Protein backbone atom coordinates (compact mmCIF):
# COMPACT_ATOMS: atom_id res chain seq x y z
CA MET A 1 -17.62 65.94 -12.03
CA LYS A 2 -15.62 68.22 -14.08
CA SER A 3 -14.91 71.51 -13.00
CA LEU A 4 -17.48 74.28 -13.60
CA PRO A 5 -16.67 78.17 -13.45
CA GLU A 6 -18.47 79.82 -10.17
CA ALA A 7 -22.00 81.09 -10.28
CA THR A 8 -21.66 84.69 -9.59
CA LEU A 9 -23.90 86.16 -6.94
CA ASP A 10 -27.60 88.16 -9.04
CA PHE A 11 -28.17 91.53 -7.47
CA ARG A 12 -31.09 92.30 -9.90
CA ASN A 13 -33.16 92.58 -6.58
CA THR A 14 -33.22 91.30 -2.91
CA ASN A 15 -34.84 88.10 -3.21
CA SER A 16 -32.23 87.36 -6.03
CA LEU A 17 -29.49 87.96 -3.81
CA TRP A 18 -30.68 86.41 -0.90
CA ALA A 19 -31.03 83.25 -2.86
CA GLY A 20 -28.23 83.39 -4.99
CA VAL A 21 -26.03 83.22 -1.47
CA LEU A 22 -27.90 80.44 -0.28
CA VAL A 23 -27.49 78.36 -3.37
CA GLU A 24 -23.68 79.28 -3.29
CA THR A 25 -23.42 78.20 -0.04
CA LEU A 26 -24.65 74.63 -1.22
CA HIS A 27 -22.93 74.07 -4.12
CA ARG A 28 -19.38 75.36 -1.67
CA LEU A 29 -20.46 72.48 0.71
CA GLY A 30 -21.03 69.67 -2.07
CA LEU A 31 -24.07 70.11 -3.24
CA ARG A 32 -24.63 69.02 -7.13
CA HIS A 33 -28.35 68.34 -7.54
CA ALA A 34 -31.71 69.65 -6.65
CA VAL A 35 -35.06 68.29 -7.55
CA ILE A 36 -37.26 71.29 -7.67
CA SER A 37 -41.10 71.53 -7.74
CA PRO A 38 -42.71 74.12 -9.49
CA GLY A 39 -44.50 76.93 -7.93
CA SER A 40 -44.34 80.65 -7.58
CA ARG A 41 -43.33 81.50 -4.04
CA SER A 42 -40.15 79.78 -4.40
CA THR A 43 -39.60 81.74 -7.29
CA PRO A 44 -35.97 83.56 -6.36
CA LEU A 45 -34.76 79.80 -5.15
CA THR A 46 -35.92 77.95 -8.63
CA VAL A 47 -33.98 80.41 -10.72
CA GLN A 48 -30.54 80.73 -8.42
CA PHE A 49 -31.00 76.89 -8.72
CA ALA A 50 -31.43 76.80 -12.22
CA ARG A 51 -28.61 79.35 -13.58
CA HIS A 52 -26.22 77.61 -11.31
CA PRO A 53 -23.06 75.63 -13.29
CA GLY A 54 -22.51 73.24 -10.86
CA ILE A 55 -25.79 71.93 -9.66
CA GLU A 56 -28.54 70.09 -11.36
CA SER A 57 -32.11 71.22 -11.01
CA ILE A 58 -34.57 68.54 -11.95
CA PRO A 59 -37.86 69.98 -12.33
CA VAL A 60 -40.39 67.09 -10.96
CA LEU A 61 -43.98 67.87 -11.32
CA ASP A 62 -45.67 65.89 -8.73
CA GLU A 63 -44.47 66.75 -5.47
CA ARG A 64 -44.28 63.41 -3.86
CA SER A 65 -42.60 61.73 -6.85
CA ALA A 66 -40.27 64.83 -6.48
CA ALA A 67 -39.55 63.89 -2.42
CA PHE A 68 -38.98 60.34 -3.58
CA PHE A 69 -36.70 61.13 -6.78
CA ALA A 70 -34.75 63.11 -4.48
CA LEU A 71 -34.66 59.83 -2.03
CA GLY A 72 -33.18 57.73 -5.03
CA LEU A 73 -31.03 59.91 -5.70
CA ALA A 74 -29.55 61.02 -2.51
CA ARG A 75 -29.33 56.77 -1.71
CA ARG A 76 -26.89 56.52 -4.73
CA THR A 77 -24.62 59.38 -4.78
CA ARG A 78 -24.45 59.34 -0.90
CA ARG A 79 -24.84 62.85 -0.34
CA PRO A 80 -27.37 65.65 0.04
CA VAL A 81 -30.34 66.31 -2.17
CA VAL A 82 -31.85 69.14 -1.99
CA LEU A 83 -35.74 69.06 -2.29
CA LEU A 84 -37.61 72.69 -3.34
CA CYS A 85 -41.48 73.45 -3.39
CA THR A 86 -43.76 76.42 -3.27
CA SER A 87 -45.36 77.24 0.32
CA GLY A 88 -49.38 75.88 1.11
CA THR A 89 -49.83 72.24 0.95
CA ALA A 90 -47.21 71.08 -1.74
CA GLY A 91 -44.46 70.32 0.94
CA ALA A 92 -46.78 68.50 2.84
CA ASN A 93 -46.34 65.54 -0.48
CA TYR A 94 -42.94 65.37 0.39
CA PHE A 95 -43.87 63.72 3.89
CA PRO A 96 -43.37 60.06 3.48
CA ALA A 97 -40.35 60.62 1.29
CA VAL A 98 -39.09 63.05 4.82
CA ILE A 99 -40.06 60.09 6.65
CA GLU A 100 -38.59 57.13 4.83
CA ALA A 101 -35.49 59.55 4.73
CA GLN A 102 -35.01 60.03 8.57
CA GLU A 103 -36.01 55.90 9.23
CA SER A 104 -33.22 54.97 6.20
CA GLY A 105 -30.44 57.69 7.53
CA VAL A 106 -31.04 59.08 4.06
CA PRO A 107 -29.69 63.04 3.64
CA LEU A 108 -32.41 65.09 2.51
CA LEU A 109 -32.53 68.83 2.58
CA VAL A 110 -35.64 70.31 2.53
CA ILE A 111 -36.77 73.89 1.86
CA THR A 112 -40.32 74.91 1.65
CA ALA A 113 -41.20 78.22 0.12
CA ASP A 114 -43.78 80.02 2.37
CA ARG A 115 -45.36 83.84 2.23
CA PRO A 116 -44.04 85.97 4.95
CA PRO A 117 -45.07 86.34 8.50
CA GLU A 118 -48.17 89.17 7.83
CA MET A 119 -49.44 87.27 5.24
CA ARG A 120 -50.35 84.07 7.45
CA GLU A 121 -53.24 83.56 9.75
CA CYS A 122 -55.18 85.94 7.67
CA ARG A 123 -56.80 83.40 4.54
CA SER A 124 -53.95 84.33 2.12
CA GLY A 125 -54.10 82.05 -0.31
CA GLN A 126 -52.13 79.33 -0.47
CA THR A 127 -51.03 79.98 3.08
CA ILE A 128 -50.79 77.15 5.66
CA ASP A 129 -48.84 76.95 9.16
CA GLN A 130 -45.28 75.41 7.99
CA GLN A 131 -43.87 76.06 11.24
CA ARG A 132 -42.15 72.27 12.03
CA LEU A 133 -44.56 70.54 9.41
CA TYR A 134 -42.73 67.25 9.54
CA GLY A 135 -42.49 67.10 13.36
CA ALA A 136 -40.00 65.08 14.96
CA HIS A 137 -39.40 63.49 11.68
CA VAL A 138 -36.52 65.73 10.55
CA THR A 139 -32.82 66.19 12.59
CA PHE A 140 -33.06 70.25 12.19
CA PHE A 141 -35.74 72.65 11.62
CA HIS A 142 -35.42 76.22 10.83
CA GLU A 143 -37.29 79.37 9.44
CA LEU A 144 -35.41 81.34 7.77
CA ALA A 145 -35.09 85.25 8.31
CA VAL A 146 -37.64 87.58 5.48
CA PRO A 147 -34.83 88.35 3.12
CA GLU A 148 -32.61 92.00 3.79
CA ALA A 149 -30.30 93.62 1.32
CA SER A 150 -27.50 93.49 3.97
CA LEU A 151 -24.39 91.95 5.09
CA PRO A 152 -25.21 91.06 8.39
CA LEU A 153 -27.87 89.17 7.28
CA LEU A 154 -26.18 87.51 4.66
CA HIS A 155 -23.98 86.43 6.96
CA TYR A 156 -26.02 84.50 8.86
CA LEU A 157 -27.83 83.32 5.89
CA ARG A 158 -24.63 81.69 5.13
CA GLN A 159 -24.03 80.25 8.52
CA THR A 160 -27.41 79.04 9.17
CA VAL A 161 -27.67 77.24 5.49
CA ALA A 162 -23.79 75.57 6.91
CA HIS A 163 -25.09 74.18 9.90
CA ALA A 164 -28.36 72.82 7.93
CA TRP A 165 -26.55 70.95 4.85
CA GLU A 166 -24.43 69.92 8.40
CA ARG A 167 -27.19 68.85 10.14
CA THR A 168 -28.15 66.30 6.83
CA LEU A 169 -24.90 63.91 7.30
CA TRP A 170 -23.95 64.60 11.56
CA PRO A 171 -24.17 63.13 13.69
CA VAL A 172 -25.90 60.53 11.44
CA GLY A 173 -27.76 60.91 7.94
CA GLY A 174 -31.54 62.37 7.41
CA PRO A 175 -33.59 65.00 6.56
CA VAL A 176 -33.41 68.67 7.66
CA HIS A 177 -36.13 71.35 6.77
CA LEU A 178 -35.73 74.95 6.02
CA ASN A 179 -38.95 77.04 5.78
CA ALA A 180 -37.97 79.83 3.01
CA PRO A 181 -40.58 83.06 3.30
CA PHE A 182 -40.04 85.77 0.55
CA ARG A 183 -41.99 89.21 -0.01
CA ASP A 184 -42.80 89.97 -3.66
CA PRO A 185 -41.76 90.72 -6.07
CA LEU A 186 -40.42 86.82 -6.15
CA PRO A 187 -38.76 87.27 -9.92
CA PRO A 188 -35.37 88.87 -10.33
CA ILE A 189 -36.94 91.86 -11.57
CA LYS A 190 -34.67 95.00 -10.34
CA ASP A 191 -35.32 96.77 -6.87
CA GLY A 192 -31.96 99.31 -6.65
CA GLN A 193 -31.92 97.46 -2.98
CA THR A 194 -28.88 95.68 -3.40
CA ASP A 195 -26.79 98.62 -5.45
CA LYS A 196 -24.52 99.30 -2.30
CA LEU A 197 -23.94 95.83 -1.68
CA ARG A 198 -21.95 95.10 -4.91
CA ASP A 199 -18.41 96.90 -3.56
CA GLU A 200 -19.31 95.53 -0.10
CA LEU A 201 -19.87 91.99 -0.61
CA ASP A 202 -16.26 90.33 -1.88
CA GLU A 203 -17.57 86.98 -2.75
CA PRO A 204 -14.04 85.10 -2.86
CA SER A 205 -14.01 86.00 0.76
CA PHE A 206 -17.82 85.34 2.06
CA PHE A 207 -17.41 81.83 0.66
CA SER A 208 -13.78 81.22 1.10
CA ALA A 209 -13.84 79.46 4.44
CA LEU A 210 -17.04 76.83 3.05
CA GLY A 211 -16.13 73.45 2.28
CA PRO A 212 -17.38 70.02 2.61
CA GLY A 213 -16.92 68.72 6.35
CA ARG A 214 -15.85 66.04 7.96
CA ARG A 215 -17.63 63.66 9.43
CA SER A 216 -16.64 62.19 12.95
CA LYS A 217 -15.90 58.66 13.57
CA VAL A 218 -17.48 56.98 16.33
CA VAL A 219 -15.14 54.28 17.60
CA LEU A 220 -14.76 52.23 20.66
CA GLN A 221 -13.14 52.35 23.48
CA ASP A 222 -12.83 48.80 24.68
CA LYS A 223 -12.20 45.73 23.38
CA VAL A 224 -15.47 43.89 22.57
CA LYS A 225 -15.19 40.14 24.39
CA LEU A 226 -17.56 37.41 22.36
CA GLY A 227 -17.36 33.63 21.87
CA GLY A 228 -19.20 30.45 22.69
CA ARG A 229 -22.32 29.48 20.16
CA GLY A 230 -23.40 32.42 18.40
CA VAL A 231 -24.61 33.98 15.25
CA ILE A 232 -24.30 37.00 13.07
CA VAL A 233 -27.49 38.66 11.73
CA ALA A 234 -26.57 41.07 9.26
CA GLY A 235 -29.18 43.81 8.46
CA GLN A 236 -30.26 46.38 5.19
CA HIS A 237 -26.84 48.48 5.29
CA SER A 238 -25.54 50.63 2.56
CA PRO A 239 -22.15 50.94 3.05
CA THR A 240 -19.56 53.01 0.89
CA ASP A 241 -17.41 50.44 -0.35
CA PRO A 242 -19.14 47.04 0.17
CA ALA A 243 -15.92 44.83 -0.45
CA ALA A 244 -14.49 46.27 2.29
CA TYR A 245 -17.51 45.81 4.83
CA ALA A 246 -17.60 42.54 3.58
CA LYS A 247 -13.93 41.66 4.45
CA ALA A 248 -14.45 43.10 7.84
CA VAL A 249 -17.60 40.78 8.40
CA GLY A 250 -15.44 37.90 7.39
CA ARG A 251 -13.00 38.68 9.50
CA ILE A 252 -15.25 39.07 12.38
CA SER A 253 -16.82 35.39 11.13
CA ARG A 254 -13.69 33.77 11.48
CA ARG A 255 -12.28 35.08 14.40
CA LEU A 256 -15.30 33.87 16.60
CA GLY A 257 -16.48 30.70 14.58
CA TRP A 258 -19.79 31.97 14.15
CA PRO A 259 -22.03 31.59 10.59
CA VAL A 260 -23.73 35.01 8.89
CA LEU A 261 -26.78 35.18 8.68
CA ALA A 262 -27.19 37.59 5.59
CA ASP A 263 -30.68 39.52 5.18
CA THR A 264 -30.90 40.42 1.27
CA LEU A 265 -30.56 43.41 1.88
CA SER A 266 -26.82 43.72 3.20
CA PRO A 267 -24.20 43.84 0.80
CA LEU A 268 -22.76 40.97 2.41
CA ARG A 269 -25.29 38.06 -0.32
CA ASN A 270 -23.53 39.72 -3.24
CA HIS A 271 -19.88 40.04 -2.22
CA ALA A 272 -19.56 36.00 -0.64
CA ARG A 273 -16.43 35.09 -1.15
CA PHE A 274 -15.04 37.40 1.84
CA VAL A 275 -17.84 35.83 4.02
CA PRO A 276 -16.97 31.68 3.44
CA ASP A 277 -20.12 31.16 6.16
CA LEU A 278 -22.88 32.89 4.83
CA VAL A 279 -26.02 31.38 5.01
CA THR A 280 -28.78 32.85 3.26
CA ALA A 281 -31.83 30.46 4.01
CA TYR A 282 -32.44 31.25 7.32
CA ASP A 283 -35.84 31.93 6.85
CA THR A 284 -36.43 28.49 5.51
CA LEU A 285 -34.40 26.77 9.10
CA ALA A 286 -36.23 29.46 11.69
CA ARG A 287 -39.82 27.80 10.07
CA SER A 288 -38.43 24.72 12.17
CA GLU A 289 -38.99 23.78 15.74
CA LEU A 290 -36.60 20.93 15.30
CA LEU A 291 -33.54 22.87 13.36
CA MET A 292 -34.13 25.54 15.53
CA GLN A 293 -33.05 23.68 18.87
CA ARG A 294 -30.17 21.90 17.24
CA LEU A 295 -29.32 25.69 15.76
CA GLN A 296 -29.89 27.66 19.03
CA PRO A 297 -27.08 30.02 19.48
CA ASP A 298 -25.96 31.39 23.23
CA GLN A 299 -25.09 34.59 21.46
CA VAL A 300 -26.34 37.01 18.57
CA LEU A 301 -24.77 39.81 17.11
CA CYS A 302 -26.95 41.79 14.78
CA LEU A 303 -25.37 44.21 12.34
CA HIS A 304 -27.34 47.32 11.35
CA ASP A 305 -30.66 46.38 11.76
CA TRP A 306 -33.17 43.23 12.15
CA PRO A 307 -33.82 41.30 8.73
CA VAL A 308 -36.70 41.16 6.84
CA SER A 309 -37.66 37.61 7.70
CA LYS A 310 -40.15 37.15 9.99
CA ALA A 311 -39.40 34.07 11.14
CA LEU A 312 -36.49 34.53 12.05
CA ARG A 313 -37.08 37.74 14.13
CA HIS A 314 -39.30 35.38 15.80
CA TRP A 315 -37.13 32.47 16.34
CA ILE A 316 -34.36 35.07 18.25
CA GLY A 317 -37.05 36.78 20.03
CA VAL A 318 -38.58 33.86 21.70
CA SER A 319 -34.83 32.61 22.84
CA ALA A 320 -33.13 33.44 25.52
CA ALA A 321 -29.88 34.40 23.91
CA PRO A 322 -28.75 37.89 24.56
CA VAL A 323 -28.41 40.74 21.50
CA THR A 324 -25.26 42.36 20.71
CA PHE A 325 -26.09 45.15 18.36
CA VAL A 326 -23.57 47.36 16.39
CA ARG A 327 -25.58 50.56 14.91
CA PRO A 328 -23.55 53.37 14.81
CA ASP A 329 -26.33 56.32 15.06
CA GLY A 330 -28.07 57.32 18.38
CA GLN A 331 -31.44 55.12 17.20
CA ASN A 332 -32.81 52.37 20.04
CA PRO A 333 -32.63 49.12 16.51
CA ASP A 334 -34.09 46.54 19.13
CA ALA A 335 -37.79 46.12 18.09
CA LEU A 336 -37.87 42.92 19.82
CA HIS A 337 -36.79 44.13 23.28
CA ARG A 338 -34.11 41.32 24.09
CA ARG A 339 -31.75 41.88 26.44
CA THR A 340 -29.41 43.66 24.47
CA ARG A 341 -26.37 46.08 24.49
CA VAL A 342 -25.35 48.10 21.61
CA LEU A 343 -22.34 48.98 20.31
CA ARG A 344 -21.85 52.59 18.28
CA CYS A 345 -19.88 52.08 16.21
CA GLN A 346 -18.85 50.83 12.60
CA VAL A 347 -18.83 47.28 11.70
CA GLU A 348 -14.82 47.63 10.63
CA ASP A 349 -14.20 49.34 13.95
CA LEU A 350 -15.66 46.10 15.65
CA ALA A 351 -12.98 43.85 13.68
CA GLU A 352 -10.48 45.76 14.86
CA ASN A 353 -11.71 45.60 18.53
CA LEU A 354 -12.83 42.05 18.69
CA GLN A 355 -11.29 39.96 21.65
CA ALA A 356 -13.07 35.94 20.53
CA GLY A 357 -13.18 33.26 23.07
CA THR A 358 -13.05 29.59 22.79
CA LYS A 359 -14.79 28.54 19.72
CA ALA A 360 -17.71 25.67 20.19
CA PRO A 361 -16.35 22.65 18.52
CA GLY A 362 -18.93 21.44 15.65
CA TRP A 363 -20.81 24.48 15.81
CA LEU A 364 -20.02 25.84 12.48
CA PRO A 365 -20.14 22.80 10.72
CA LEU A 366 -23.43 22.23 11.92
CA TRP A 367 -24.41 25.28 10.06
CA ARG A 368 -22.75 24.94 7.66
CA GLN A 369 -24.40 21.92 6.64
CA ALA A 370 -28.35 23.26 7.38
CA GLY A 371 -27.55 26.32 5.61
CA ARG A 372 -26.77 24.47 2.18
CA LYS A 373 -29.35 21.88 2.40
CA ALA A 374 -31.76 24.72 2.64
CA ALA A 375 -30.23 26.30 -0.52
CA ALA A 376 -29.43 23.37 -2.59
CA SER A 377 -33.09 22.17 -1.89
CA LEU A 378 -35.13 25.99 -3.07
CA ALA A 379 -32.72 26.25 -5.72
CA ARG A 380 -33.50 22.61 -7.10
CA GLN A 381 -37.08 23.17 -6.91
CA LEU A 382 -37.02 26.98 -8.32
CA GLY A 383 -34.67 25.47 -11.12
CA ALA A 384 -37.03 22.80 -12.21
CA LEU A 385 -39.94 25.08 -12.93
CA ASP A 386 -41.74 25.96 -16.26
CA TRP A 387 -44.49 27.69 -15.23
CA MET A 388 -44.11 31.41 -14.35
CA PHE A 389 -43.71 31.53 -10.48
CA GLU A 390 -43.31 35.26 -8.98
CA GLY A 391 -40.67 33.94 -6.62
CA ARG A 392 -38.58 32.49 -9.51
CA ALA A 393 -38.27 36.12 -10.81
CA ALA A 394 -36.15 37.10 -7.61
CA GLY A 395 -34.30 33.99 -7.74
CA LEU A 396 -32.66 34.50 -11.18
CA LEU A 397 -31.60 37.88 -10.92
CA PRO A 398 -28.47 37.77 -9.64
CA GLY A 399 -27.33 35.31 -11.73
CA LEU A 400 -28.90 36.68 -15.16
CA LEU A 401 -27.97 41.10 -14.62
CA PRO A 402 -24.84 42.33 -15.06
CA ARG A 403 -22.16 42.63 -12.54
CA GLY A 404 -22.99 45.45 -10.04
CA THR A 405 -26.41 46.10 -11.34
CA PRO A 406 -28.19 48.11 -8.74
CA LEU A 407 -31.02 47.13 -7.91
CA PHE A 408 -34.40 48.88 -6.62
CA VAL A 409 -36.68 46.38 -4.85
CA ALA A 410 -40.44 47.55 -3.01
CA ASN A 411 -41.85 46.56 -0.04
CA SER A 412 -44.34 43.63 0.78
CA MET A 413 -43.99 40.27 -1.32
CA PRO A 414 -40.77 41.51 -3.80
CA VAL A 415 -38.38 42.07 -0.93
CA ARG A 416 -39.46 38.82 0.92
CA ASP A 417 -39.38 36.87 -2.30
CA LEU A 418 -35.33 38.17 -2.68
CA ASP A 419 -34.84 37.06 0.63
CA TYR A 420 -35.94 33.55 0.03
CA PHE A 421 -34.60 33.36 -3.27
CA TRP A 422 -31.28 35.45 -3.69
CA ALA A 423 -28.43 33.22 -3.55
CA ALA A 424 -25.31 34.24 -2.63
CA ASN A 425 -22.97 35.26 -5.26
CA ASN A 426 -19.76 37.27 -6.20
CA ARG A 427 -21.32 39.73 -8.56
CA GLY A 428 -21.58 43.27 -6.63
CA HIS A 429 -24.94 43.68 -7.13
CA GLU A 430 -26.65 46.91 -5.11
CA VAL A 431 -29.49 46.29 -3.50
CA HIS A 432 -32.12 48.92 -2.12
CA CYS A 433 -34.86 49.14 -0.74
CA ASN A 434 -36.88 51.82 1.77
CA ARG A 435 -36.92 49.54 4.31
CA GLY A 436 -37.40 52.57 6.89
CA ALA A 437 -40.81 52.57 6.94
CA ASN A 438 -41.71 49.62 5.12
CA GLY A 439 -43.86 51.52 2.49
CA ILE A 440 -44.76 51.49 -1.37
CA ASP A 441 -45.09 54.66 -1.73
CA GLY A 442 -42.90 56.36 -4.02
CA THR A 443 -41.39 53.02 -5.23
CA LEU A 444 -41.30 54.16 -9.00
CA SER A 445 -39.82 57.26 -7.87
CA THR A 446 -37.29 55.86 -5.65
CA ALA A 447 -35.64 53.99 -8.43
CA LEU A 448 -35.73 56.77 -11.10
CA GLY A 449 -34.19 58.70 -8.67
CA LEU A 450 -31.64 55.83 -8.07
CA ALA A 451 -30.73 55.63 -11.33
CA HIS A 452 -30.70 59.16 -12.67
CA GLY A 453 -27.08 60.37 -13.79
CA SER A 454 -25.35 56.80 -13.23
CA ASP A 455 -23.57 55.11 -16.33
CA GLN A 456 -24.59 52.10 -14.61
CA PRO A 457 -28.08 50.29 -16.07
CA ALA A 458 -30.40 49.73 -12.85
CA VAL A 459 -33.24 47.69 -12.37
CA LEU A 460 -36.40 48.08 -10.44
CA LEU A 461 -38.02 44.86 -9.25
CA THR A 462 -42.03 45.79 -8.11
CA GLY A 463 -45.38 44.62 -7.87
CA ASP A 464 -48.72 45.53 -9.52
CA LEU A 465 -50.19 47.82 -6.68
CA ALA A 466 -46.73 49.26 -5.71
CA LEU A 467 -46.16 50.34 -9.52
CA LEU A 468 -49.58 51.78 -9.85
CA HIS A 469 -49.03 53.57 -6.24
CA ASP A 470 -46.69 55.95 -7.86
CA THR A 471 -47.28 55.89 -11.79
CA ASN A 472 -46.58 60.08 -11.18
CA GLY A 473 -43.43 58.86 -11.42
CA PHE A 474 -43.49 58.09 -15.31
CA LEU A 475 -43.95 61.87 -15.77
CA SER A 476 -40.07 62.81 -14.93
CA ILE A 477 -38.87 60.59 -17.64
CA SER A 478 -38.32 63.49 -19.93
CA LYS A 479 -35.74 64.99 -17.56
CA PHE A 480 -34.19 61.21 -16.96
CA ARG A 481 -30.57 60.54 -17.30
CA GLY A 482 -29.76 56.86 -17.13
CA SER A 483 -31.37 53.45 -17.86
CA LEU A 484 -33.61 51.87 -15.49
CA THR A 485 -35.64 47.99 -16.07
CA ILE A 486 -38.53 47.70 -14.59
CA VAL A 487 -39.68 43.74 -13.86
CA LEU A 488 -43.74 44.31 -13.30
CA ILE A 489 -44.67 40.96 -10.87
CA ASN A 490 -48.58 41.44 -11.90
CA ASN A 491 -50.53 39.35 -9.97
CA HIS A 492 -53.09 41.59 -9.82
CA GLY A 493 -53.46 42.57 -6.45
CA GLY A 494 -51.51 42.12 -3.13
CA GLY A 495 -49.72 39.17 -3.46
CA ILE A 496 -48.54 39.06 0.22
CA PHE A 497 -51.83 39.86 1.83
CA GLU A 498 -52.55 35.82 0.48
CA HIS A 499 -50.10 35.00 3.34
CA LEU A 500 -51.73 36.46 6.16
CA PRO A 501 -54.67 34.84 8.36
CA VAL A 502 -57.50 37.31 7.18
CA ALA A 503 -57.15 35.47 3.87
CA ARG A 504 -59.24 32.89 5.19
CA PHE A 505 -62.26 35.72 5.31
CA ASN A 506 -63.44 36.70 1.99
CA PRO A 507 -65.50 38.81 1.95
CA PRO A 508 -64.13 41.05 2.60
CA PHE A 509 -60.71 39.92 1.72
CA GLU A 510 -60.56 40.20 -2.16
CA GLU A 511 -61.93 43.64 -2.28
CA TYR A 512 -60.42 45.27 0.51
CA PHE A 513 -56.78 43.60 1.45
CA ALA A 514 -56.45 42.06 -2.45
CA THR A 515 -57.36 44.80 -4.03
CA PRO A 516 -57.56 43.35 -7.54
CA GLN A 517 -56.82 45.58 -10.53
CA GLY A 518 -57.71 45.36 -14.06
CA VAL A 519 -54.55 47.99 -15.80
CA ASP A 520 -53.73 47.21 -19.10
CA PHE A 521 -49.98 48.11 -18.10
CA ARG A 522 -49.02 48.04 -22.20
CA ARG A 523 -51.65 51.31 -22.73
CA LEU A 524 -50.82 52.38 -19.42
CA CYS A 525 -46.87 52.66 -20.75
CA ALA A 526 -48.01 54.06 -24.47
CA ALA A 527 -49.94 56.78 -22.31
CA TYR A 528 -46.23 57.99 -20.77
CA GLY A 529 -44.12 56.92 -23.80
CA VAL A 530 -42.39 53.73 -22.24
CA ALA A 531 -41.21 50.61 -23.32
CA HIS A 532 -43.37 47.59 -22.88
CA LEU A 533 -42.48 44.02 -23.11
CA ALA A 534 -44.96 41.00 -21.62
CA VAL A 535 -42.89 38.02 -20.87
CA LYS A 536 -43.04 35.09 -22.66
CA ASP A 537 -41.44 32.38 -20.59
CA TRP A 538 -38.07 32.49 -18.35
CA ARG A 539 -35.82 32.08 -21.46
CA HIS A 540 -37.38 35.10 -22.99
CA PHE A 541 -37.06 36.53 -19.14
CA ALA A 542 -33.53 35.45 -19.90
CA ARG A 543 -32.96 37.43 -22.66
CA LEU A 544 -34.36 40.68 -21.87
CA LEU A 545 -31.98 41.17 -18.92
CA VAL A 546 -28.50 39.55 -19.38
CA LYS A 547 -27.71 42.69 -21.27
CA LEU A 548 -29.30 45.65 -20.29
CA PRO A 549 -30.27 49.21 -22.53
CA ALA A 550 -27.64 52.00 -21.77
CA ARG A 551 -30.46 54.77 -21.35
CA GLY A 552 -34.60 55.34 -21.18
CA VAL A 553 -37.14 53.47 -18.77
CA ARG A 554 -38.69 50.01 -20.01
CA VAL A 555 -40.86 47.57 -18.39
CA LEU A 556 -40.98 44.13 -18.33
CA GLU A 557 -44.02 42.52 -17.54
CA VAL A 558 -44.62 39.19 -15.83
CA ARG A 559 -48.05 38.38 -15.55
CA THR A 560 -48.66 35.42 -12.40
CA ASP A 561 -51.29 33.78 -10.73
CA ARG A 562 -51.77 35.42 -7.08
CA LYS A 563 -53.19 32.65 -5.36
CA ARG A 564 -51.01 29.92 -6.70
CA ASP A 565 -47.97 31.39 -6.44
CA ALA A 566 -48.69 32.00 -2.66
CA ALA A 567 -49.91 28.23 -2.52
CA PHE A 568 -46.60 26.96 -4.32
CA ARG A 569 -44.21 29.49 -2.33
CA GLY A 570 -45.60 27.78 1.10
CA THR A 571 -45.06 24.24 -0.20
CA LEU A 572 -41.94 24.95 -1.65
CA LEU A 573 -40.73 26.31 1.92
CA ASP A 574 -42.63 23.75 3.72
CA LEU A 575 -40.28 21.12 1.80
CA ALA A 576 -37.24 22.34 1.78
CA THR A 577 -37.44 22.37 5.58
CA LYS A 578 -38.51 18.43 5.70
CA GLN A 579 -35.32 17.84 3.76
CA THR A 580 -33.47 19.76 5.87
CA GLU A 581 -34.73 18.17 8.95
CA ARG A 582 -33.84 14.74 7.13
CA ALA A 583 -30.53 15.81 6.54
CA LEU A 584 -29.36 16.49 10.07
CA ARG A 585 -31.01 13.92 11.83
CA ARG A 586 -28.81 11.68 9.59
CA ALA A 587 -26.21 13.94 11.03
């Protein structure tokens, strides 16, 4: 970002000075984006954010959409984003995104404006109890003092806001909540209360100690010993330098002689040259009792998180193999409740402090053969399709998208199809998903936030229900700067439920679980001024994705048959499993 002039404080009244100190403090600490929901009680802060030349303020009408837009923006920039709203139920609409930010470790600074204490508990309008509104889902909560025109209180404000900023990043990334009460007048109407502070408050000196802080690094104190027959399971992770991360995992894999089972949300699949023994079709292998017996490890090294694949999690869960988990934050990462030790460090630190034991002869070649056979079978079957199977869209994307494309993927079926069919490559794509709480809410808004302000066109892969759940996200496109292509898999309902046992019970399955809809997406897009194209076939699909538009939002609708897709997906995976079993029997 180019150098911008510092904002001068607004001395028109107590609220404008108070809000100006808060905003300038955040800017000095590194804030560059604020997503603002319209409202009255937040007027002092809205005015100061809007007038600051170094902060981009983005108004978003719907609070839930605003929160997920901020979440996506924070994901891309890897720095805190402010989320501001008025008093009352406005802040409650932020809750789903706050939960996702906490579960995914995304830094958000949520500021809810509020009525002053004397206007609470007395039926005053637009007033609810906002104390600890988000409960345990934030890393820090504080209610700011009611603004006063005094230097001691402004010193308190500066230091408290600086601490809140720090807590969005340290000891781990996550959301922080500040509740900010204001008395009238809310607009910057001159009140004469701040005139004496013009000479007392020396701005350069007042803000001189502020600056972007440094995050402490967690390091291992001792060497880590691993060896024998093991596997490395790499879960979702968004490192600052994906290539360096992949190189570190590659060093660990080579030193141990262990294969790397990389989730689709791990950067490893898109930097495969650094990890030669990468396995992507592990879900296919985990479906076979025969294969899992042949490939049973003595140890499991899990990086950051468990994978999307339920079959793989089940295989690890029923095994007797102890688990070593690498995760730098303080969360308990082991939902499987295995015999687990947790290393609180970065993967790069483990690569430098690993003491490898004797390699198991024949172990790695066995995994190589199984992984390659399963992946080849899936690729061959997908390549032979001439009809619109939704899983093929996921399989084609890594080879079609321009190098380094950011991709946001919806939960439910899209992320699972990516896990099944996204092949290892060296194209450097960045794959994101709200996998902390695994919900479909805010899918469109998160993707818009992820793409906003970026020079790199982005793509969203989503189902119809996830998109419909967040169509208010389209309201922000008038302020959107960037390019987002939405690949919409329209199978008229919730495809993931077709794979659950409840699908055999209809009624009530179709109405209450699949929840089919008949929305005309062409007309829906037209209502929001969004370009819409119906994909005719796979050649048409490829032409639309090999070169992405430089700006704007468009929807590419891929119409599929939900029940046929579910049946074929099962057949395809079963066939790949059987072909791999036959290959290993002959080995």
